[in-house]
């Protein structure tokens, strides 16, 4: 096929970045933009030279007959939109998570595979060179691993409104946690066996059953353990919002935070300062044998450039008929862990997987 017709659904931060990627890649042709907010889709259409816009997903899908549907909406819509897109014989890119339940996610994976269509989930850290190196270095630290990660976001204004909308369907440790739990699974290459979760509701502006701060702890069958922490809102502290640290018998590796970052700036969530590698080797006197290494990150991709790398992977998957079974198994596995943490918080009990 000379070009693939793409319908972009959702024109917020992620939808805009992915649309820019399709616009730059010759093999993709955007045939429509869909969003609930006319301002967002009209602004994006104007930026990209004037593209057809729609307020209704079903109408857009019928009118454009796309080869690819890019879904960048709130999580509660993912299952419906992915299902309809696959049934319309379109390949799908969907921002994480695939759906809000394991049952829906499993059904959608099976539907894509039975229809011989590609389903790619937006795990942006998997295409990030610095995070790829971070995973590789962590695998050299021996076993078990201790993994500590968080992404607390102090938000106000538009960002807080976005967070409140997200919390209509899932908590911060579920929405953001799938990224970092996925990284933990890549580092350990082990099976998660139990998950615990704690949380707190720090605002009267969100649903009584929802909580805007949470932390999960996961244990793997190789003895590795990890925790992930996430909080959203105007009350969240900016102190230590960026912890990305792994320890093993042979030492530790951390992503050093860039200076002057703001936790609510989405463009900075994937930015790294350097990789800090520490060796545990000691000499005969018990002193460290090797000096720590600070590995600089050069020519780091921007958020838009990372989204383009994701779409290049989608294109490769389509044109080279890549087997995405492992990719999709991993997406369901990380979702299973964060949903277990949510269950643990609500029941007060450890969840065994």
Protein backbone atom coordinates (compact mmCIF):
# COMPACT_ATOMS: atom_id res chain seq x y z
CA UNK A 1 0.00 0.00 0.00
CA UNK A 2 1.43 3.41 -0.96
CA UNK A 3 -0.15 5.24 1.98
CA UNK A 4 -2.25 4.30 4.99
CA UNK A 5 -5.30 6.42 5.75
CA UNK A 6 -5.32 7.38 9.43
CA UNK A 7 -8.22 8.53 11.60
CA UNK A 8 -6.93 10.32 14.71
CA UNK A 9 -9.32 10.13 17.68
CA UNK A 10 -8.63 12.55 20.51
CA UNK A 11 -6.86 15.87 19.95
CA UNK A 12 -5.40 16.57 23.38
CA UNK A 13 -1.71 16.34 24.30
CA UNK A 14 -1.12 12.79 23.07
CA UNK A 15 -3.44 12.97 20.06
CA UNK A 16 -1.76 16.16 18.88
CA UNK A 17 1.74 14.66 19.15
CA UNK A 18 0.71 11.49 17.31
CA UNK A 19 -1.09 13.50 14.60
CA UNK A 20 2.09 15.51 14.03
CA UNK A 21 3.95 12.23 13.62
CA UNK A 22 1.50 10.89 11.01
CA UNK A 23 1.69 14.23 9.22
CA UNK A 24 5.49 13.96 8.96
CA UNK A 25 5.61 10.32 7.82
CA UNK A 26 5.04 9.90 4.08
CA UNK A 27 3.39 6.49 4.45
CA UNK A 28 0.54 7.91 6.55
CA UNK A 29 -2.26 10.23 5.41
CA UNK A 30 -4.58 11.72 8.03
CA UNK A 31 -8.17 11.55 6.76
CA UNK A 32 -9.92 12.84 9.86
CA UNK A 33 -9.63 14.28 13.36
CA UNK A 34 -12.17 13.37 16.03
CA UNK A 35 -12.69 15.04 19.40
CA UNK A 36 -15.46 16.09 21.76
CA UNK A 37 -13.98 19.56 21.96
CA UNK A 38 -14.36 21.51 18.68
CA UNK A 39 -11.62 23.93 19.70
CA UNK A 40 -8.98 21.19 20.00
CA UNK A 41 -9.75 19.49 16.68
CA UNK A 42 -10.10 22.75 14.78
CA UNK A 43 -6.82 24.07 16.17
CA UNK A 44 -5.01 20.85 15.21
CA UNK A 45 -6.63 20.82 11.77
CA UNK A 46 -5.44 24.35 11.12
CA UNK A 47 -1.90 23.49 12.29
CA UNK A 48 -1.71 20.55 9.87
CA UNK A 49 -3.00 22.42 6.84
CA UNK A 50 -6.75 21.86 7.08
CA UNK A 51 -8.06 18.36 7.73
CA UNK A 52 -11.61 16.96 7.98
CA UNK A 53 -12.95 17.11 11.54
CA UNK A 54 -15.67 15.16 13.32
CA UNK A 55 -17.40 15.25 16.69
CA UNK A 56 -18.73 11.68 16.47
CA UNK A 57 -16.51 8.61 16.31
CA UNK A 58 -18.96 6.34 14.50
CA UNK A 59 -19.65 8.97 11.86
CA UNK A 60 -15.94 9.54 11.31
CA UNK A 61 -15.18 5.82 11.06
CA UNK A 62 -17.92 5.33 8.46
CA UNK A 63 -17.07 8.44 6.46
CA UNK A 64 -13.29 8.01 6.26
CA UNK A 65 -12.92 4.19 5.97
CA UNK A 66 -9.42 4.35 7.53
CA UNK A 67 -6.65 1.77 7.31
CA UNK A 68 -5.42 2.84 10.76
CA UNK A 69 -7.25 4.31 13.75
CA UNK A 70 -5.19 6.17 16.35
CA UNK A 71 -7.02 6.28 19.71
CA UNK A 72 -5.86 8.96 22.15
CA UNK A 73 -8.98 9.49 24.25
CA UNK A 74 -9.84 8.97 27.92
CA UNK A 75 -9.35 5.33 29.01
CA UNK A 76 -13.03 4.49 29.51
CA UNK A 77 -13.58 4.86 25.73
CA UNK A 78 -10.66 2.68 24.63
CA UNK A 79 -12.39 -0.70 24.58
CA UNK A 80 -15.36 0.54 22.52
CA UNK A 81 -13.24 2.44 20.01
CA UNK A 82 -10.65 -0.33 19.59
CA UNK A 83 -13.38 -2.93 19.12
CA UNK A 84 -15.22 -0.88 16.49
CA UNK A 85 -12.00 -0.04 14.66
CA UNK A 86 -10.87 -3.67 14.47
CA UNK A 87 -14.32 -4.71 13.28
CA UNK A 88 -14.00 -2.05 10.56
CA UNK A 89 -10.82 -3.86 9.44
CA UNK A 90 -8.44 -1.12 10.58
CA UNK A 91 -5.11 -1.50 12.33
CA UNK A 92 -5.09 0.28 15.71
CA UNK A 93 -2.71 2.38 17.74
CA UNK A 94 -4.14 2.98 21.23
CA UNK A 95 -2.68 4.98 24.05
CA UNK A 96 -2.21 2.92 27.22
CA UNK A 97 -4.06 1.09 28.60
CA UNK A 98 -5.77 -1.07 25.96
CA UNK A 99 -8.92 -1.01 28.11
CA UNK A 100 -9.90 -0.58 31.75
CA UNK A 101 -10.32 -4.31 32.43
CA UNK A 102 -8.35 -7.48 31.74
CA UNK A 103 -11.43 -9.10 30.19
CA UNK A 104 -11.86 -6.33 27.59
CA UNK A 105 -8.12 -6.17 26.92
CA UNK A 106 -7.89 -9.93 26.33
CA UNK A 107 -10.93 -9.86 24.03
CA UNK A 108 -9.47 -7.02 21.95
CA UNK A 109 -6.10 -8.76 21.58
CA UNK A 110 -7.85 -11.91 20.40
CA UNK A 111 -9.99 -9.88 17.97
CA UNK A 112 -6.92 -8.21 16.46
CA UNK A 113 -5.08 -11.51 16.09
CA UNK A 114 -8.05 -13.37 14.59
CA UNK A 115 -8.59 -10.56 12.07
CA UNK A 116 -4.85 -10.44 11.26
CA UNK A 117 -4.68 -6.78 12.23
CA UNK A 118 -1.98 -4.94 14.17
CA UNK A 119 -2.76 -3.54 17.62
CA UNK A 120 0.01 -1.38 19.10
CA UNK A 121 -0.24 0.06 22.62
CA UNK A 122 1.40 3.40 23.40
CA UNK A 123 4.19 2.49 25.80
CA UNK A 124 6.33 5.51 25.00
CA UNK A 125 9.22 4.56 27.32
CA UNK A 126 9.89 1.47 25.19
CA UNK A 127 11.07 3.64 22.29
CA UNK A 128 13.10 6.04 24.44
CA UNK A 129 16.88 5.49 23.98
CA UNK A 130 17.71 6.50 27.56
CA UNK A 131 15.07 4.22 29.06
CA UNK A 132 16.19 1.37 26.81
CA UNK A 133 19.72 1.85 28.17
CA UNK A 134 18.32 2.10 31.72
CA UNK A 135 16.64 -1.31 31.33
CA UNK A 136 19.79 -2.83 29.83
CA UNK A 137 22.02 -1.60 32.69
CA UNK A 138 19.50 -2.80 35.29
CA UNK A 139 19.64 -6.31 33.84
CA UNK A 140 23.40 -6.37 34.54
CA UNK A 141 22.99 -5.66 38.28
CA UNK A 142 22.24 -9.27 39.23
CA UNK A 143 19.18 -10.61 41.05
CA UNK A 144 17.07 -9.81 42.89
CA UNK A 145 16.39 -6.22 41.84
CA UNK A 146 14.90 -3.46 43.97
CA UNK A 147 13.07 -0.97 41.75
CA UNK A 148 11.86 2.42 42.99
CA UNK A 149 9.89 4.71 40.71
CA UNK A 150 7.36 7.50 40.89
CA UNK A 151 5.73 10.29 38.91
CA UNK A 152 3.88 12.69 41.18
CA UNK A 153 2.30 15.59 39.31
CA UNK A 154 1.46 18.88 40.97
CA UNK A 155 -1.32 20.17 38.73
CA UNK A 156 -3.57 23.20 38.48
CA UNK A 157 -5.86 24.82 35.92
CA UNK A 158 -6.25 22.86 32.70
CA UNK A 159 -3.92 20.08 33.89
CA UNK A 160 -5.98 19.53 37.07
CA UNK A 161 -9.17 19.42 34.99
CA UNK A 162 -7.54 16.75 32.80
CA UNK A 163 -6.53 14.75 35.86
CA UNK A 164 -10.06 14.96 37.30
CA UNK A 165 -11.46 13.70 34.00
CA UNK A 166 -8.99 10.81 33.99
CA UNK A 167 -10.00 9.90 37.54
CA UNK A 168 -13.57 9.33 36.43
CA UNK A 169 -12.33 5.94 35.22
CA UNK A 170 -9.02 5.19 36.97
CA UNK A 171 -6.62 6.31 39.68
CA UNK A 172 -3.12 7.76 39.10
CA UNK A 173 -1.38 4.48 40.02
CA UNK A 174 -3.40 2.68 37.33
CA UNK A 175 -3.20 5.31 34.58
CA UNK A 176 0.50 6.16 34.91
CA UNK A 177 1.58 2.97 36.65
CA UNK A 178 1.33 0.76 33.57
CA UNK A 179 4.35 2.57 32.06
CA UNK A 180 6.65 2.04 35.01
CA UNK A 181 5.43 -1.42 35.96
CA UNK A 182 6.07 -2.38 32.33
CA UNK A 183 9.66 -1.15 32.75
CA UNK A 184 10.00 -3.22 35.95
CA UNK A 185 8.82 -6.31 34.09
CA UNK A 186 11.33 -5.65 31.31
CA UNK A 187 14.12 -5.31 33.89
CA UNK A 188 13.37 -8.46 35.86
CA UNK A 189 12.04 -10.62 33.01
CA UNK A 190 10.27 -12.43 35.85
CA UNK A 191 6.68 -13.28 36.76
CA UNK A 192 4.81 -10.98 39.18
CA UNK A 193 3.30 -13.00 42.03
CA UNK A 194 1.73 -10.54 44.48
CA UNK A 195 0.72 -6.88 44.65
CA UNK A 196 -0.24 -4.51 47.48
CA UNK A 197 -1.58 -0.98 47.23
CA UNK A 198 -2.25 2.01 49.46
CA UNK A 199 -3.89 5.32 48.63
CA UNK A 200 -5.53 8.48 49.86
CA UNK A 201 -8.22 10.89 48.65
CA UNK A 202 -6.83 14.40 49.06
CA UNK A 203 -9.54 16.44 47.33
CA UNK A 204 -13.31 16.93 47.56
CA UNK A 205 -13.34 17.73 43.83
CA UNK A 206 -13.12 14.06 42.85
CA UNK A 207 -15.57 11.19 43.19
CA UNK A 208 -15.98 9.79 46.71
CA UNK A 209 -14.83 6.34 45.55
CA UNK A 210 -11.70 7.65 43.80
CA UNK A 211 -8.31 8.58 45.25
CA UNK A 212 -5.71 10.94 43.79
CA UNK A 213 -2.62 9.55 45.57
CA UNK A 214 -1.51 5.94 45.51
CA UNK A 215 1.45 3.61 45.83
CA UNK A 216 1.84 -0.01 44.75
CA UNK A 217 4.33 -2.69 45.77
CA UNK A 218 4.92 -5.69 43.52
CA UNK A 219 6.90 -8.88 44.20
CA UNK A 220 8.30 -11.10 41.43
CA UNK A 221 9.06 -14.82 41.46
CA UNK A 222 12.82 -14.17 41.25
CA UNK A 223 12.74 -12.25 44.54
CA UNK A 224 12.75 -8.83 42.91
CA UNK A 225 10.52 -6.13 44.38
CA UNK A 226 9.38 -2.75 43.15
CA UNK A 227 7.28 0.20 44.22
CA UNK A 228 5.59 2.87 42.20
CA UNK A 229 4.02 6.08 43.53
CA UNK A 230 1.74 8.56 41.78
CA UNK A 231 -0.32 11.53 42.91
CA UNK A 232 -2.21 14.25 41.01
CA UNK A 233 -3.53 17.62 42.06
CA UNK A 234 -2.77 21.12 43.34
CA UNK A 235 -1.77 19.75 46.76
CA UNK A 236 0.91 17.35 45.49
CA UNK A 237 4.49 18.14 46.53
CA UNK A 238 7.13 18.89 43.92
CA UNK A 239 9.76 17.35 46.21
CA UNK A 240 11.08 14.02 44.89
CA UNK A 241 8.49 13.77 42.14
CA UNK A 242 11.05 12.10 39.90
CA UNK A 243 12.53 8.88 41.32
CA UNK A 244 13.75 6.27 38.83
CA UNK A 245 16.18 4.01 40.66
CA UNK A 246 17.17 0.33 40.53
CA UNK A 247 19.44 -1.60 42.91
CA UNK A 248 20.90 -5.10 42.61
CA UNK A 249 23.73 -7.12 44.16
CA UNK A 250 26.27 -5.60 41.74
CA UNK A 251 25.27 -1.97 42.26
CA UNK A 252 22.62 0.51 41.18
CA UNK A 253 21.53 2.66 38.27
CA UNK A 254 19.37 5.77 38.38
CA UNK A 255 17.97 8.28 35.96
CA UNK A 256 19.16 11.67 37.14
CA UNK A 257 16.44 14.31 37.01
CA UNK A 258 16.91 17.29 34.71
CA UNK A 259 17.18 20.58 36.54
CA UNK A 260 14.36 23.14 36.65
CA UNK A 261 11.64 20.65 35.70
CA UNK A 262 7.94 21.00 36.53
CA UNK A 263 5.95 17.88 37.33
CA UNK A 264 2.84 19.00 35.43
CA UNK A 265 4.76 19.66 32.20
CA UNK A 266 4.02 16.56 30.10
CA UNK A 267 6.95 17.28 27.77
CA UNK A 268 9.34 16.78 30.69
CA UNK A 269 7.93 13.43 31.90
CA UNK A 270 10.12 11.52 29.45
CA UNK A 271 13.18 13.79 29.70
CA UNK A 272 16.30 12.57 31.49
CA UNK A 273 19.40 14.31 32.75
CA UNK A 274 21.87 11.40 32.77
CA UNK A 275 22.21 7.78 33.90
CA UNK A 276 24.06 7.37 37.20
CA UNK A 277 25.74 3.96 37.43
CA UNK A 278 27.17 2.77 40.77
CA UNK A 279 29.26 -0.40 41.30
CA UNK A 280 29.17 -2.34 44.57
CA UNK A 281 32.64 -3.91 44.08
CA UNK A 282 35.06 -3.24 46.96
CA UNK A 283 38.81 -3.76 47.29
CA UNK A 284 40.75 -5.60 49.99
CA UNK A 285 40.29 -2.66 52.37
CA UNK A 286 36.55 -2.59 51.82
CA UNK A 287 36.60 0.59 49.75
CA UNK A 288 34.76 0.93 46.47
CA UNK A 289 36.88 -0.46 43.66
CA UNK A 290 35.30 1.54 40.83
CA UNK A 291 34.16 5.13 40.65
CA UNK A 292 30.53 5.87 39.80
CA UNK A 293 29.84 6.62 36.17
CA UNK A 294 27.63 9.44 34.97
CA UNK A 295 26.45 8.52 31.48
CA UNK A 296 25.25 11.63 29.64
CA UNK A 297 22.14 11.53 27.46
CA UNK A 298 22.86 13.24 24.15
CA UNK A 299 20.38 14.23 21.44
CA UNK A 300 17.45 13.10 23.57
CA UNK A 301 14.21 12.90 21.58
CA UNK A 302 11.47 15.41 22.35
CA UNK A 303 7.98 14.22 23.26
CA UNK A 304 6.83 14.68 19.65
CA UNK A 305 9.87 12.79 18.37
CA UNK A 306 9.14 9.89 20.76
CA UNK A 307 5.57 9.75 19.45
CA UNK A 308 6.99 9.62 15.93
CA UNK A 309 9.17 6.66 16.95
CA UNK A 310 6.01 4.91 18.17
CA UNK A 311 4.30 5.48 14.85
CA UNK A 312 7.36 4.28 12.95
CA UNK A 313 7.08 1.07 14.99
CA UNK A 314 3.39 0.79 14.05
CA UNK A 315 4.31 1.22 10.39
CA UNK A 316 7.03 -1.42 10.66
CA UNK A 317 4.58 -3.81 12.36
CA UNK A 318 2.10 -3.38 9.51
CA UNK A 319 4.51 -3.50 6.59
CA UNK A 320 6.72 -6.29 7.92
CA UNK A 321 3.87 -8.23 9.54
CA UNK A 322 5.62 -8.26 12.92
CA UNK A 323 4.42 -10.72 15.54
CA UNK A 324 3.09 -8.48 18.33
CA UNK A 325 2.13 -11.30 20.70
CA UNK A 326 4.81 -10.44 23.27
CA UNK A 327 4.04 -6.72 23.02
CA UNK A 328 0.37 -7.38 23.77
CA UNK A 329 1.06 -9.96 26.49
CA UNK A 330 3.27 -7.39 28.21
CA UNK A 331 0.57 -4.72 27.92
CA UNK A 332 -1.97 -6.99 29.61
CA UNK A 333 0.57 -8.09 32.25
CA UNK A 334 1.35 -4.52 33.36
CA UNK A 335 -2.35 -3.66 33.42
CA UNK A 336 -3.01 -6.73 35.56
CA UNK A 337 -0.47 -5.51 38.14
CA UNK A 338 -1.83 -1.96 38.47
CA UNK A 339 -5.44 -3.18 38.62
CA UNK A 340 -4.38 -5.58 41.38
CA UNK A 341 -2.90 -2.62 43.27
CA UNK A 342 -6.21 -0.79 42.92
CA UNK A 343 -8.05 -3.88 44.20
CA UNK A 344 -5.62 -4.13 47.11
CA UNK A 345 -6.25 -0.51 48.10
CA UNK A 346 -10.01 -0.98 48.01
CA UNK A 347 -10.03 -4.30 49.91
CA UNK A 348 -7.09 -3.76 52.22
CA UNK A 349 -5.65 -7.12 51.20
CA UNK A 350 -2.60 -8.26 49.24
CA UNK A 351 -3.60 -9.61 45.82
CA UNK A 352 -1.92 -12.82 44.65
CA UNK A 353 -1.65 -13.13 40.87
